[in-house]
PDB file of all heavy atoms in Angstrom:
ATOM      1  N   GLU A   1      60.570 -54.426 -91.740  1.00  0.00           N
ATOM      2  CA  GLU A   1      60.717 -54.772 -90.321  1.00  0.00           C
ATOM      3  C   GLU A   1      59.687 -55.815 -89.907  1.00  0.00           C
ATOM      4  O   GLU A   1      60.002 -56.781 -89.196  1.00  0.00           O
ATOM      5  CB  GLU A   1      60.575 -53.516 -89.469  1.00  0.00           C
ATOM      6  CG  GLU A   1      61.739 -52.548 -89.625  1.00  0.00           C
ATOM      7  CD  GLU A   1      61.474 -51.197 -89.008  1.00  0.00           C
ATOM      8  OE1 GLU A   1      60.370 -50.655 -89.221  1.00  0.00           O
ATOM      9  OE2 GLU A   1      62.369 -50.669 -88.305  1.00  0.00           O
ATOM     10  N   ASN A   2      58.440 -55.651 -90.360  1.00  0.00           N
ATOM     11  CA  ASN A   2      57.404 -56.624 -90.022  1.00  0.00           C
ATOM     12  C   ASN A   2      57.666 -57.969 -90.688  1.00  0.00           C
ATOM     13  O   ASN A   2      57.402 -59.030 -90.108  1.00  0.00           O
ATOM     14  CB  ASN A   2      56.027 -56.092 -90.425  1.00  0.00           C
ATOM     15  CG  ASN A   2      55.493 -55.064 -89.444  1.00  0.00           C
ATOM     16  OD1 ASN A   2      55.624 -55.232 -88.236  1.00  0.00           O
ATOM     17  ND2 ASN A   2      54.900 -53.992 -89.949  1.00  0.00           N
ATOM     18  N   GLU A   3      58.188 -57.950 -91.902  1.00  0.00           N
ATOM     19  CA  GLU A   3      58.543 -59.202 -92.566  1.00  0.00           C
ATOM     20  C   GLU A   3      59.676 -59.915 -91.835  1.00  0.00           C
ATOM     21  O   GLU A   3      59.706 -61.153 -91.759  1.00  0.00           O
ATOM     22  CB  GLU A   3      58.932 -58.930 -94.020  1.00  0.00           C
ATOM     23  CG  GLU A   3      57.747 -58.595 -94.919  1.00  0.00           C
ATOM     24  CD  GLU A   3      58.160 -58.323 -96.354  1.00  0.00           C
ATOM     25  OE1 GLU A   3      59.360 -57.986 -96.569  1.00  0.00           O
ATOM     26  OE2 GLU A   3      57.313 -58.443 -97.254  1.00  0.00           O
ATOM     27  N   SER A   4      60.604 -59.143 -91.273  1.00  0.00           N
ATOM     28  CA  SER A   4      61.698 -59.746 -90.500  1.00  0.00           C
ATOM     29  C   SER A   4      61.156 -60.417 -89.243  1.00  0.00           C
ATOM     30  O   SER A   4      61.597 -61.506 -88.868  1.00  0.00           O
ATOM     31  CB  SER A   4      62.730 -58.678 -90.129  1.00  0.00           C
ATOM     32  OG  SER A   4      63.376 -58.171 -91.271  1.00  0.00           O
ATOM     33  N   LEU A   5      60.186 -59.769 -88.595  1.00  0.00           N
ATOM     34  CA  LEU A   5      59.579 -60.355 -87.408  1.00  0.00           C
ATOM     35  C   LEU A   5      58.869 -61.656 -87.776  1.00  0.00           C
ATOM     36  O   LEU A   5      58.977 -62.662 -87.056  1.00  0.00           O
ATOM     37  CB  LEU A   5      58.595 -59.360 -86.789  1.00  0.00           C
ATOM     38  CG  LEU A   5      58.107 -59.667 -85.370  1.00  0.00           C
ATOM     39  CD1 LEU A   5      59.266 -59.654 -84.376  1.00  0.00           C
ATOM     40  CD2 LEU A   5      57.040 -58.660 -84.941  1.00  0.00           C
ATOM     41  N   PHE A   6      58.152 -61.635 -88.894  1.00  0.00           N
ATOM     42  CA  PHE A   6      57.467 -62.845 -89.369  1.00  0.00           C
ATOM     43  C   PHE A   6      58.472 -63.957 -89.666  1.00  0.00           C
ATOM     44  O   PHE A   6      58.223 -65.139 -89.373  1.00  0.00           O
ATOM     45  CB  PHE A   6      56.656 -62.517 -90.619  1.00  0.00           C
ATOM     46  CG  PHE A   6      55.953 -63.699 -91.222  1.00  0.00           C
ATOM     47  CD1 PHE A   6      54.766 -64.165 -90.668  1.00  0.00           C
ATOM     48  CD2 PHE A   6      56.470 -64.357 -92.324  1.00  0.00           C
ATOM     49  CE1 PHE A   6      54.106 -65.261 -91.206  1.00  0.00           C
ATOM     50  CE2 PHE A   6      55.829 -65.451 -92.872  1.00  0.00           C
ATOM     51  CZ  PHE A   6      54.644 -65.904 -92.313  1.00  0.00           C
ATOM     52  N   ALA A   7      59.625 -63.602 -90.234  1.00  0.00           N
ATOM     53  CA  ALA A   7      60.656 -64.600 -90.555  1.00  0.00           C
ATOM     54  C   ALA A   7      61.187 -65.261 -89.289  1.00  0.00           C
ATOM     55  O   ALA A   7      61.471 -66.469 -89.278  1.00  0.00           O
ATOM     56  CB  ALA A   7      61.795 -63.938 -91.333  1.00  0.00           C
ATOM     57  N   HIS A   8      61.324 -64.497 -88.214  1.00  0.00           N
ATOM     58  CA  HIS A   8      61.758 -65.079 -86.938  1.00  0.00           C
ATOM     59  C   HIS A   8      60.721 -66.088 -86.434  1.00  0.00           C
ATOM     60  O   HIS A   8      61.079 -67.156 -85.923  1.00  0.00           O
ATOM     61  CB  HIS A   8      61.966 -63.979 -85.892  1.00  0.00           C
ATOM     62  CG  HIS A   8      63.213 -63.173 -86.088  1.00  0.00           C
ATOM     63  ND1 HIS A   8      64.467 -63.745 -86.103  1.00  0.00           N
ATOM     64  CD2 HIS A   8      63.409 -61.844 -86.260  1.00  0.00           C
ATOM     65  CE1 HIS A   8      65.387 -62.799 -86.279  1.00  0.00           C
ATOM     66  NE2 HIS A   8      64.766 -61.649 -86.379  1.00  0.00           N
ATOM     67  N   LEU A   9      59.437 -65.753 -86.594  1.00  0.00           N
ATOM     68  CA  LEU A   9      58.375 -66.670 -86.163  1.00  0.00           C
ATOM     69  C   LEU A   9      58.416 -67.958 -86.992  1.00  0.00           C
ATOM     70  O   LEU A   9      58.276 -69.056 -86.449  1.00  0.00           O
ATOM     71  CB  LEU A   9      57.012 -65.989 -86.309  1.00  0.00           C
ATOM     72  CG  LEU A   9      55.835 -66.637 -85.578  1.00  0.00           C
ATOM     73  CD1 LEU A   9      55.994 -66.469 -84.066  1.00  0.00           C
ATOM     74  CD2 LEU A   9      54.514 -66.028 -86.035  1.00  0.00           C
ATOM     75  N   ALA A  10      58.624 -67.811 -88.293  1.00  0.00           N
ATOM     76  CA  ALA A  10      58.701 -68.986 -89.164  1.00  0.00           C
ATOM     77  C   ALA A  10      59.897 -69.861 -88.790  1.00  0.00           C
ATOM     78  O   ALA A  10      59.822 -71.094 -88.856  1.00  0.00           O
ATOM     79  CB  ALA A  10      58.812 -68.538 -90.625  1.00  0.00           C
ATOM     80  N   ARG A  11      60.982 -69.227 -88.373  1.00  0.00           N
ATOM     81  CA  ARG A  11      62.174 -69.986 -87.959  1.00  0.00           C
ATOM     82  C   ARG A  11      61.883 -70.808 -86.704  1.00  0.00           C
ATOM     83  O   ARG A  11      62.307 -71.954 -86.580  1.00  0.00           O
ATOM     84  CB  ARG A  11      63.328 -69.017 -87.711  1.00  0.00           C
ATOM     85  CG  ARG A  11      64.620 -69.678 -87.250  1.00  0.00           C
ATOM     86  CD  ARG A  11      65.667 -68.642 -86.902  1.00  0.00           C
ATOM     87  NE  ARG A  11      66.716 -69.205 -86.057  1.00  0.00           N
ATOM     88  CZ  ARG A  11      67.523 -68.478 -85.292  1.00  0.00           C
ATOM     89  NH1 ARG A  11      67.406 -67.158 -85.254  1.00  0.00           N
ATOM     90  NH2 ARG A  11      68.442 -69.079 -84.544  1.00  0.00           N
ATOM     91  N   ILE A  12      61.115 -70.225 -85.773  1.00  0.00           N
ATOM     92  CA  ILE A  12      60.736 -70.959 -84.559  1.00  0.00           C
ATOM     93  C   ILE A  12      59.936 -72.200 -84.938  1.00  0.00           C
ATOM     94  O   ILE A  12      60.200 -73.312 -84.469  1.00  0.00           O
ATOM     95  CB  ILE A  12      59.908 -70.072 -83.610  1.00  0.00           C
ATOM     96  CG1 ILE A  12      60.717 -68.877 -83.119  1.00  0.00           C
ATOM     97  CG2 ILE A  12      59.420 -70.887 -82.403  1.00  0.00           C
ATOM     98  CD1 ILE A  12      59.892 -67.839 -82.376  1.00  0.00           C
ATOM     99  N   LEU A  13      58.932 -72.009 -85.784  1.00  0.00           N
ATOM    100  CA  LEU A  13      58.078 -73.134 -86.184  1.00  0.00           C
ATOM    101  C   LEU A  13      58.885 -74.210 -86.890  1.00  0.00           C
ATOM    102  O   LEU A  13      58.704 -75.415 -86.637  1.00  0.00           O
ATOM    103  CB  LEU A  13      56.955 -72.636 -87.084  1.00  0.00           C
ATOM    104  CG  LEU A  13      56.010 -73.715 -87.628  1.00  0.00           C
ATOM    105  CD1 LEU A  13      55.330 -74.462 -86.494  1.00  0.00           C
ATOM    106  CD2 LEU A  13      54.980 -73.103 -88.567  1.00  0.00           C
ATOM    107  N   SER A  14      59.784 -73.819 -87.781  1.00  0.00           N
ATOM    108  CA  SER A  14      60.601 -74.788 -88.512  1.00  0.00           C
ATOM    109  C   SER A  14      61.428 -75.638 -87.544  1.00  0.00           C
ATOM    110  O   SER A  14      61.508 -76.860 -87.687  1.00  0.00           O
ATOM    111  CB  SER A  14      61.526 -74.064 -89.493  1.00  0.00           C
ATOM    112  OG  SER A  14      62.374 -74.984 -90.156  1.00  0.00           O
ATOM    113  N   ALA A  15      62.027 -74.992 -86.541  1.00  0.00           N
ATOM    114  CA  ALA A  15      62.835 -75.734 -85.565  1.00  0.00           C
ATOM    115  C   ALA A  15      61.973 -76.664 -84.732  1.00  0.00           C
ATOM    116  O   ALA A  15      62.357 -77.807 -84.453  1.00  0.00           O
ATOM    117  CB  ALA A  15      63.577 -74.750 -84.658  1.00  0.00           C
ATOM    118  N   MET A  16      60.776 -76.219 -84.346  1.00  0.00           N
ATOM    119  CA  MET A  16      59.887 -77.072 -83.568  1.00  0.00           C
ATOM    120  C   MET A  16      59.393 -78.249 -84.402  1.00  0.00           C
ATOM    121  O   MET A  16      59.231 -79.362 -83.906  1.00  0.00           O
ATOM    122  CB  MET A  16      58.705 -76.262 -83.037  1.00  0.00           C
ATOM    123  CG  MET A  16      59.101 -75.179 -82.041  1.00  0.00           C
ATOM    124  SD  MET A  16      57.684 -74.287 -81.342  1.00  0.00           S
ATOM    125  CE  MET A  16      57.071 -75.513 -80.170  1.00  0.00           C
ATOM    126  N   ARG A  17      59.175 -78.010 -85.681  1.00  0.00           N
ATOM    127  CA  ARG A  17      58.738 -79.078 -86.582  1.00  0.00           C
ATOM    128  C   ARG A  17      59.781 -80.190 -86.656  1.00  0.00           C
ATOM    129  O   ARG A  17      59.444 -81.359 -86.802  1.00  0.00           O
ATOM    130  CB  ARG A  17      58.472 -78.500 -87.962  1.00  0.00           C
ATOM    131  CG  ARG A  17      57.828 -79.479 -88.926  1.00  0.00           C
ATOM    132  CD  ARG A  17      57.701 -78.877 -90.314  1.00  0.00           C
ATOM    133  NE  ARG A  17      56.725 -77.797 -90.360  1.00  0.00           N
ATOM    134  CZ  ARG A  17      56.996 -76.556 -90.770  1.00  0.00           C
ATOM    135  NH1 ARG A  17      58.218 -76.230 -91.141  1.00  0.00           N
ATOM    136  NH2 ARG A  17      56.053 -75.650 -90.810  1.00  0.00           N
ATOM    137  N   HIS A  18      61.050 -79.811 -86.544  1.00  0.00           N
ATOM    138  CA  HIS A  18      62.141 -80.784 -86.597  1.00  0.00           C
ATOM    139  C   HIS A  18      62.613 -81.215 -85.211  1.00  0.00           C
ATOM    140  O   HIS A  18      63.662 -81.851 -85.079  1.00  0.00           O
ATOM    141  CB  HIS A  18      63.320 -80.202 -87.385  1.00  0.00           C
ATOM    142  CG  HIS A  18      63.036 -80.003 -88.847  1.00  0.00           C
ATOM    143  ND1 HIS A  18      62.541 -78.815 -89.349  1.00  0.00           N
ATOM    144  CD2 HIS A  18      63.142 -80.856 -89.901  1.00  0.00           C
ATOM    145  CE1 HIS A  18      62.376 -78.936 -90.652  1.00  0.00           C
ATOM    146  NE2 HIS A  18      62.726 -80.156 -91.018  1.00  0.00           N
ATOM    147  N   ALA A  19      61.828 -80.852 -84.179  1.00  0.00           N
ATOM    148  CA  ALA A  19      62.143 -81.228 -82.795  1.00  0.00           C
ATOM    149  C   ALA A  19      63.547 -80.787 -82.390  1.00  0.00           C
ATOM    150  O   ALA A  19      64.224 -81.460 -81.606  1.00  0.00           O
ATOM    151  CB  ALA A  19      61.984 -82.737 -82.594  1.00  0.00           C
ATOM    152  N   ASP A  20      63.981 -79.643 -82.923  1.00  0.00           N
ATOM    153  CA  ASP A  20      65.293 -79.081 -82.579  1.00  0.00           C
ATOM    154  C   ASP A  20      65.081 -78.031 -81.495  1.00  0.00           C
ATOM    155  O   ASP A  20      64.903 -76.843 -81.780  1.00  0.00           O
ATOM    156  CB  ASP A  20      65.941 -78.472 -83.823  1.00  0.00           C
ATOM    157  CG  ASP A  20      67.386 -78.056 -83.589  1.00  0.00           C
ATOM    158  OD1 ASP A  20      67.775 -77.872 -82.410  1.00  0.00           O
ATOM    159  OD2 ASP A  20      68.126 -77.901 -84.575  1.00  0.00           O
ATOM    160  N   ALA A  21      65.081 -78.485 -80.249  1.00  0.00           N
ATOM    161  CA  ALA A  21      64.757 -77.596 -79.131  1.00  0.00           C
ATOM    162  C   ALA A  21      65.754 -76.440 -79.005  1.00  0.00           C
ATOM    163  O   ALA A  21      65.378 -75.310 -78.702  1.00  0.00           O
ATOM    164  CB  ALA A  21      64.710 -78.391 -77.830  1.00  0.00           C
ATOM    165  N   GLY A  22      67.027 -76.725 -79.232  1.00  0.00           N
ATOM    166  CA  GLY A  22      68.040 -75.683 -79.124  1.00  0.00           C
ATOM    167  C   GLY A  22      67.849 -74.592 -80.157  1.00  0.00           C
ATOM    168  O   GLY A  22      67.917 -73.389 -79.838  1.00  0.00           O
ATOM    169  N   GLU A  23      67.583 -74.985 -81.398  1.00  0.00           N
ATOM    170  CA  GLU A  23      67.361 -74.010 -82.458  1.00  0.00           C
ATOM    171  C   GLU A  23      66.054 -73.247 -82.226  1.00  0.00           C
ATOM    172  O   GLU A  23      65.975 -72.032 -82.471  1.00  0.00           O
ATOM    173  CB  GLU A  23      67.318 -74.712 -83.811  1.00  0.00           C
ATOM    174  CG  GLU A  23      66.883 -73.846 -84.987  1.00  0.00           C
ATOM    175  CD  GLU A  23      67.801 -72.671 -85.282  1.00  0.00           C
ATOM    176  OE1 GLU A  23      68.949 -72.650 -84.753  1.00  0.00           O
ATOM    177  OE2 GLU A  23      67.380 -71.769 -86.032  1.00  0.00           O
ATOM    178  N   ALA A  24      65.027 -73.940 -81.738  1.00  0.00           N
ATOM    179  CA  ALA A  24      63.751 -73.281 -81.465  1.00  0.00           C
ATOM    180  C   ALA A  24      63.912 -72.218 -80.386  1.00  0.00           C
ATOM    181  O   ALA A  24      63.379 -71.109 -80.494  1.00  0.00           O
ATOM    182  CB  ALA A  24      62.715 -74.315 -81.033  1.00  0.00           C
ATOM    183  N   SER A  25      64.657 -72.553 -79.342  1.00  0.00           N
ATOM    184  CA  SER A  25      64.912 -71.593 -78.266  1.00  0.00           C
ATOM    185  C   SER A  25      65.699 -70.396 -78.781  1.00  0.00           C
ATOM    186  O   SER A  25      65.398 -69.242 -78.453  1.00  0.00           O
ATOM    187  CB  SER A  25      65.677 -72.282 -77.132  1.00  0.00           C
ATOM    188  OG  SER A  25      66.020 -71.366 -76.124  1.00  0.00           O
ATOM    189  N   SER A  26      66.706 -70.655 -79.602  1.00  0.00           N
ATOM    190  CA  SER A  26      67.511 -69.581 -80.178  1.00  0.00           C
ATOM    191  C   SER A  26      66.667 -68.678 -81.071  1.00  0.00           C
ATOM    192  O   SER A  26      66.806 -67.444 -81.048  1.00  0.00           O
ATOM    193  CB  SER A  26      68.668 -70.184 -80.984  1.00  0.00           C
ATOM    194  OG  SER A  26      69.416 -69.185 -81.627  1.00  0.00           O
ATOM    195  N   ALA A  27      65.763 -69.286 -81.845  1.00  0.00           N
ATOM    196  CA  ALA A  27      64.891 -68.508 -82.721  1.00  0.00           C
ATOM    197  C   ALA A  27      63.916 -67.648 -81.918  1.00  0.00           C
ATOM    198  O   ALA A  27      63.634 -66.507 -82.290  1.00  0.00           O
ATOM    199  CB  ALA A  27      64.118 -69.449 -83.651  1.00  0.00           C
ATOM    200  N   ALA A  28      63.403 -68.195 -80.815  1.00  0.00           N
ATOM    201  CA  ALA A  28      62.498 -67.422 -79.955  1.00  0.00           C
ATOM    202  C   ALA A  28      63.243 -66.243 -79.331  1.00  0.00           C
ATOM    203  O   ALA A  28      62.704 -65.135 -79.213  1.00  0.00           O
ATOM    204  CB  ALA A  28      61.913 -68.308 -78.867  1.00  0.00           C
ATOM    205  N   ARG A  29      64.498 -66.482 -78.948  1.00  0.00           N
ATOM    206  CA  ARG A  29      65.313 -65.397 -78.383  1.00  0.00           C
ATOM    207  C   ARG A  29      65.545 -64.305 -79.429  1.00  0.00           C
ATOM    208  O   ARG A  29      65.462 -63.108 -79.138  1.00  0.00           O
ATOM    209  CB  ARG A  29      66.638 -65.954 -77.875  1.00  0.00           C
ATOM    210  CG  ARG A  29      67.472 -64.956 -77.071  1.00  0.00           C
ATOM    211  CD  ARG A  29      68.702 -65.607 -76.461  1.00  0.00           C
ATOM    212  NE  ARG A  29      68.333 -66.668 -75.519  1.00  0.00           N
ATOM    213  CZ  ARG A  29      68.437 -67.969 -75.774  1.00  0.00           C
ATOM    214  NH1 ARG A  29      68.915 -68.393 -76.945  1.00  0.00           N
ATOM    215  NH2 ARG A  29      68.069 -68.851 -74.879  1.00  0.00           N
ATOM    216  N   ALA A  30      65.805 -64.732 -80.667  1.00  0.00           N
ATOM    217  CA  ALA A  30      66.017 -63.767 -81.746  1.00  0.00           C
ATOM    218  C   ALA A  30      64.741 -62.969 -82.026  1.00  0.00           C
ATOM    219  O   ALA A  30      64.793 -61.757 -82.283  1.00  0.00           O
ATOM    220  CB  ALA A  30      66.472 -64.494 -83.008  1.00  0.00           C
ATOM    221  N   TYR A  31      63.587 -63.659 -81.960  1.00  0.00           N
ATOM    222  CA  TYR A  31      62.301 -62.988 -82.186  1.00  0.00           C
ATOM    223  C   TYR A  31      62.096 -61.852 -81.176  1.00  0.00           C
ATOM    224  O   TYR A  31      61.812 -60.708 -81.546  1.00  0.00           O
ATOM    225  CB  TYR A  31      61.171 -64.016 -82.084  1.00  0.00           C
ATOM    226  CG  TYR A  31      59.781 -63.426 -82.123  1.00  0.00           C
ATOM    227  CD1 TYR A  31      59.069 -63.348 -83.311  1.00  0.00           C
ATOM    228  CD2 TYR A  31      59.168 -62.955 -80.956  1.00  0.00           C
ATOM    229  CE1 TYR A  31      57.794 -62.805 -83.348  1.00  0.00           C
ATOM    230  CE2 TYR A  31      57.902 -62.408 -80.989  1.00  0.00           C
ATOM    231  CZ  TYR A  31      57.211 -62.335 -82.179  1.00  0.00           C
ATOM    232  OH  TYR A  31      55.945 -61.791 -82.210  1.00  0.00           O
ATOM    233  N   PHE A  32      62.227 -62.176 -79.887  1.00  0.00           N
ATOM    234  CA  PHE A  32      61.950 -61.168 -78.866  1.00  0.00           C
ATOM    235  C   PHE A  32      63.066 -60.126 -78.765  1.00  0.00           C
ATOM    236  O   PHE A  32      62.815 -58.990 -78.363  1.00  0.00           O
ATOM    237  CB  PHE A  32      61.680 -61.834 -77.515  1.00  0.00           C
ATOM    238  CG  PHE A  32      60.295 -62.404 -77.424  1.00  0.00           C
ATOM    239  CD1 PHE A  32      60.072 -63.757 -77.592  1.00  0.00           C
ATOM    240  CD2 PHE A  32      59.203 -61.578 -77.213  1.00  0.00           C
ATOM    241  CE1 PHE A  32      58.794 -64.279 -77.525  1.00  0.00           C
ATOM    242  CE2 PHE A  32      57.911 -62.084 -77.154  1.00  0.00           C
ATOM    243  CZ  PHE A  32      57.704 -63.443 -77.313  1.00  0.00           C
ATOM    244  N   THR A  33      64.283 -60.492 -79.144  1.00  0.00           N
ATOM    245  CA  THR A  33      65.361 -59.501 -79.204  1.00  0.00           C
ATOM    246  C   THR A  33      65.061 -58.479 -80.291  1.00  0.00           C
ATOM    247  O   THR A  33      65.258 -57.274 -80.106  1.00  0.00           O
ATOM    248  CB  THR A  33      66.714 -60.186 -79.481  1.00  0.00           C
ATOM    249  OG1 THR A  33      67.023 -61.073 -78.398  1.00  0.00           O
ATOM    250  CG2 THR A  33      67.834 -59.159 -79.605  1.00  0.00           C
ATOM    251  N   PHE A  34      64.571 -58.974 -81.437  1.00  0.00           N
ATOM    252  CA  PHE A  34      64.210 -58.076 -82.526  1.00  0.00           C
ATOM    253  C   PHE A  34      63.040 -57.182 -82.117  1.00  0.00           C
ATOM    254  O   PHE A  34      63.042 -55.970 -82.378  1.00  0.00           O
ATOM    255  CB  PHE A  34      63.845 -58.884 -83.768  1.00  0.00           C
ATOM    256  CG  PHE A  34      63.615 -58.055 -84.999  1.00  0.00           C
ATOM    257  CD1 PHE A  34      64.676 -57.538 -85.717  1.00  0.00           C
ATOM    258  CD2 PHE A  34      62.322 -57.795 -85.438  1.00  0.00           C
ATOM    259  CE1 PHE A  34      64.465 -56.761 -86.848  1.00  0.00           C
ATOM    260  CE2 PHE A  34      62.097 -57.025 -86.571  1.00  0.00           C
ATOM    261  CZ  PHE A  34      63.169 -56.507 -87.286  1.00  0.00           C
ATOM    262  N   LEU A  35      62.033 -57.779 -81.453  1.00  0.00           N
ATOM    263  CA  LEU A  35      60.887 -56.991 -80.996  1.00  0.00           C
ATOM    264  C   LEU A  35      61.326 -55.961 -79.961  1.00  0.00           C
ATOM    265  O   LEU A  35      60.827 -54.824 -79.949  1.00  0.00           O
ATOM    266  CB  LEU A  35      59.836 -57.928 -80.397  1.00  0.00           C
ATOM    267  CG  LEU A  35      58.460 -57.321 -80.091  1.00  0.00           C
ATOM    268  CD1 LEU A  35      57.814 -56.766 -81.350  1.00  0.00           C
ATOM    269  CD2 LEU A  35      57.544 -58.366 -79.454  1.00  0.00           C
ATOM    270  N   GLN A  36      62.252 -56.342 -79.098  1.00  0.00           N
ATOM    271  CA  GLN A  36      62.782 -55.416 -78.096  1.00  0.00           C
ATOM    272  C   GLN A  36      63.482 -54.230 -78.769  1.00  0.00           C
ATOM    273  O   GLN A  36      63.299 -53.074 -78.366  1.00  0.00           O
ATOM    274  CB  GLN A  36      63.752 -56.151 -77.182  1.00  0.00           C
ATOM    275  CG  GLN A  36      64.313 -55.314 -76.043  1.00  0.00           C
ATOM    276  CD  GLN A  36      65.310 -56.117 -75.217  1.00  0.00           C
ATOM    277  OE1 GLN A  36      66.284 -56.658 -75.751  1.00  0.00           O
ATOM    278  NE2 GLN A  36      65.068 -56.211 -73.917  1.00  0.00           N
ATOM    279  N   LYS A  37      64.256 -54.520 -79.808  1.00  0.00           N
ATOM    280  CA  LYS A  37      64.951 -53.452 -80.540  1.00  0.00           C
ATOM    281  C   LYS A  37      63.950 -52.513 -81.194  1.00  0.00           C
ATOM    282  O   LYS A  37      64.117 -51.277 -81.162  1.00  0.00           O
ATOM    283  CB  LYS A  37      65.864 -54.068 -81.602  1.00  0.00           C
ATOM    284  CG  LYS A  37      66.672 -53.055 -82.414  1.00  0.00           C
ATOM    285  CD  LYS A  37      67.684 -52.334 -81.551  1.00  0.00           C
ATOM    286  CE  LYS A  37      68.746 -51.623 -82.393  1.00  0.00           C
ATOM    287  NZ  LYS A  37      68.173 -50.649 -83.354  1.00  0.00           N
ATOM    288  N   LEU A  38      62.879 -53.064 -81.766  1.00  0.00           N
ATOM    289  CA  LEU A  38      61.844 -52.224 -82.356  1.00  0.00           C
ATOM    290  C   LEU A  38      61.206 -51.326 -81.304  1.00  0.00           C
ATOM    291  O   LEU A  38      60.971 -50.135 -81.537  1.00  0.00           O
ATOM    292  CB  LEU A  38      60.765 -53.091 -83.014  1.00  0.00           C
ATOM    293  CG  LEU A  38      61.148 -53.867 -84.273  1.00  0.00           C
ATOM    294  CD1 LEU A  38      59.960 -54.680 -84.763  1.00  0.00           C
ATOM    295  CD2 LEU A  38      61.634 -52.930 -85.367  1.00  0.00           C
ATOM    296  N   ALA A  39      60.920 -51.905 -80.133  1.00  0.00           N
ATOM    297  CA  ALA A  39      60.297 -51.134 -79.054  1.00  0.00           C
ATOM    298  C   ALA A  39      61.229 -50.022 -78.572  1.00  0.00           C
ATOM    299  O   ALA A  39      60.791 -48.897 -78.296  1.00  0.00           O
ATOM    300  CB  ALA A  39      59.918 -52.052 -77.898  1.00  0.00           C
ATOM    301  N   GLU A  40      62.502 -50.313 -78.481  1.00  0.00           N
ATOM    302  CA  GLU A  40      63.478 -49.296 -78.041  1.00  0.00           C
ATOM    303  C   GLU A  40      63.580 -48.155 -79.056  1.00  0.00           C
ATOM    304  O   GLU A  40      63.705 -46.998 -78.680  1.00  0.00           O
ATOM    305  CB  GLU A  40      64.849 -49.939 -77.855  1.00  0.00           C
ATOM    306  CG  GLU A  40      64.940 -50.861 -76.659  1.00  0.00           C
ATOM    307  CD  GLU A  40      66.242 -51.625 -76.603  1.00  0.00           C
ATOM    308  OE1 GLU A  40      66.949 -51.697 -77.643  1.00  0.00           O
ATOM    309  OE2 GLU A  40      66.552 -52.185 -75.538  1.00  0.00           O
ATOM    310  N   ASP A  41      63.492 -48.507 -80.336  1.00  0.00           N
ATOM    311  CA  ASP A  41      63.653 -47.498 -81.388  1.00  0.00           C
ATOM    312  C   ASP A  41      62.392 -46.687 -81.637  1.00  0.00           C
ATOM    313  O   ASP A  41      62.465 -45.494 -81.956  1.00  0.00           O
ATOM    314  CB  ASP A  41      64.064 -48.172 -82.707  1.00  0.00           C
ATOM    315  CG  ASP A  41      65.466 -48.744 -82.655  1.00  0.00           C
ATOM    316  OD1 ASP A  41      66.215 -48.380 -81.731  1.00  0.00           O
ATOM    317  OD2 ASP A  41      65.797 -49.560 -83.525  1.00  0.00           O
ATOM    318  N   LYS A  42      61.227 -47.348 -81.479  1.00  0.00           N
ATOM    319  CA  LYS A  42      59.971 -46.715 -81.920  1.00  0.00           C
ATOM    320  C   LYS A  42      59.139 -46.107 -80.791  1.00  0.00           C
ATOM    321  O   LYS A  42      58.353 -45.182 -81.038  1.00  0.00           O
ATOM    322  CB  LYS A  42      59.096 -47.736 -82.663  1.00  0.00           C
ATOM    323  CG  LYS A  42      59.769 -48.437 -83.820  1.00  0.00           C
ATOM    324  CD  LYS A  42      59.948 -47.525 -85.002  1.00  0.00           C
ATOM    325  CE  LYS A  42      60.511 -48.300 -86.196  1.00  0.00           C
ATOM    326  NZ  LYS A  42      60.675 -47.444 -87.386  1.00  0.00           N
ATOM    327  N   CYS A  43      59.283 -46.655 -79.575  1.00  0.00           N
ATOM    328  CA  CYS A  43      58.420 -46.191 -78.481  1.00  0.00           C
ATOM    329  C   CYS A  43      58.893 -44.850 -77.951  1.00  0.00           C
ATOM    330  O   CYS A  43      60.060 -44.460 -78.127  1.00  0.00           O
ATOM    331  CB  CYS A  43      58.384 -47.212 -77.340  1.00  0.00           C
ATOM    332  SG  CYS A  43      57.528 -48.733 -77.777  1.00  0.00           S
ATOM    333  N   ASP A  44      57.981 -44.157 -77.235  1.00  0.00           N
ATOM    334  CA  ASP A  44      58.375 -42.903 -76.607  1.00  0.00           C
ATOM    335  C   ASP A  44      59.247 -43.208 -75.388  1.00  0.00           C
ATOM    336  O   ASP A  44      59.420 -44.356 -75.013  1.00  0.00           O
ATOM    337  CB  ASP A  44      57.134 -42.074 -76.216  1.00  0.00           C
ATOM    338  CG  ASP A  44      56.261 -42.766 -75.189  1.00  0.00           C
ATOM    339  OD1 ASP A  44      56.799 -43.509 -74.343  1.00  0.00           O
ATOM    340  OD2 ASP A  44      55.039 -42.565 -75.216  1.00  0.00           O
ATOM    341  N   PRO A  45      59.844 -42.201 -74.753  1.00  0.00           N
ATOM    342  CA  PRO A  45      60.758 -42.447 -73.645  1.00  0.00           C
ATOM    343  C   PRO A  45      60.171 -43.260 -72.508  1.00  0.00           C
ATOM    344  O   PRO A  45      60.898 -43.914 -71.769  1.00  0.00           O
ATOM    345  CB  PRO A  45      61.133 -41.033 -73.189  1.00  0.00           C
ATOM    346  CG  PRO A  45      60.966 -40.190 -74.413  1.00  0.00           C
ATOM    347  CD  PRO A  45      59.795 -40.778 -75.127  1.00  0.00           C
ATOM    348  N   ALA A  46      58.847 -43.244 -72.346  1.00  0.00           N
ATOM    349  CA  ALA A  46      58.209 -44.008 -71.261  1.00  0.00           C
ATOM    350  C   ALA A  46      58.010 -45.468 -71.662  1.00  0.00           C
ATOM    351  O   ALA A  46      57.554 -46.276 -70.866  1.00  0.00           O
ATOM    352  CB  ALA A  46      56.860 -43.387 -70.894  1.00  0.00           C
TER     353      ALA A  46
END
């Protein structure tokens, strides 16, 4: 799971390196969506 999160971060950097704003935005959305899913699955009800 942590490696997957790291892969999303690497995808953001790769898109920014190529000045692909659309792909960078999509990668950032995927990063925080994945983090959100982890928080929903792992956190307590509060």
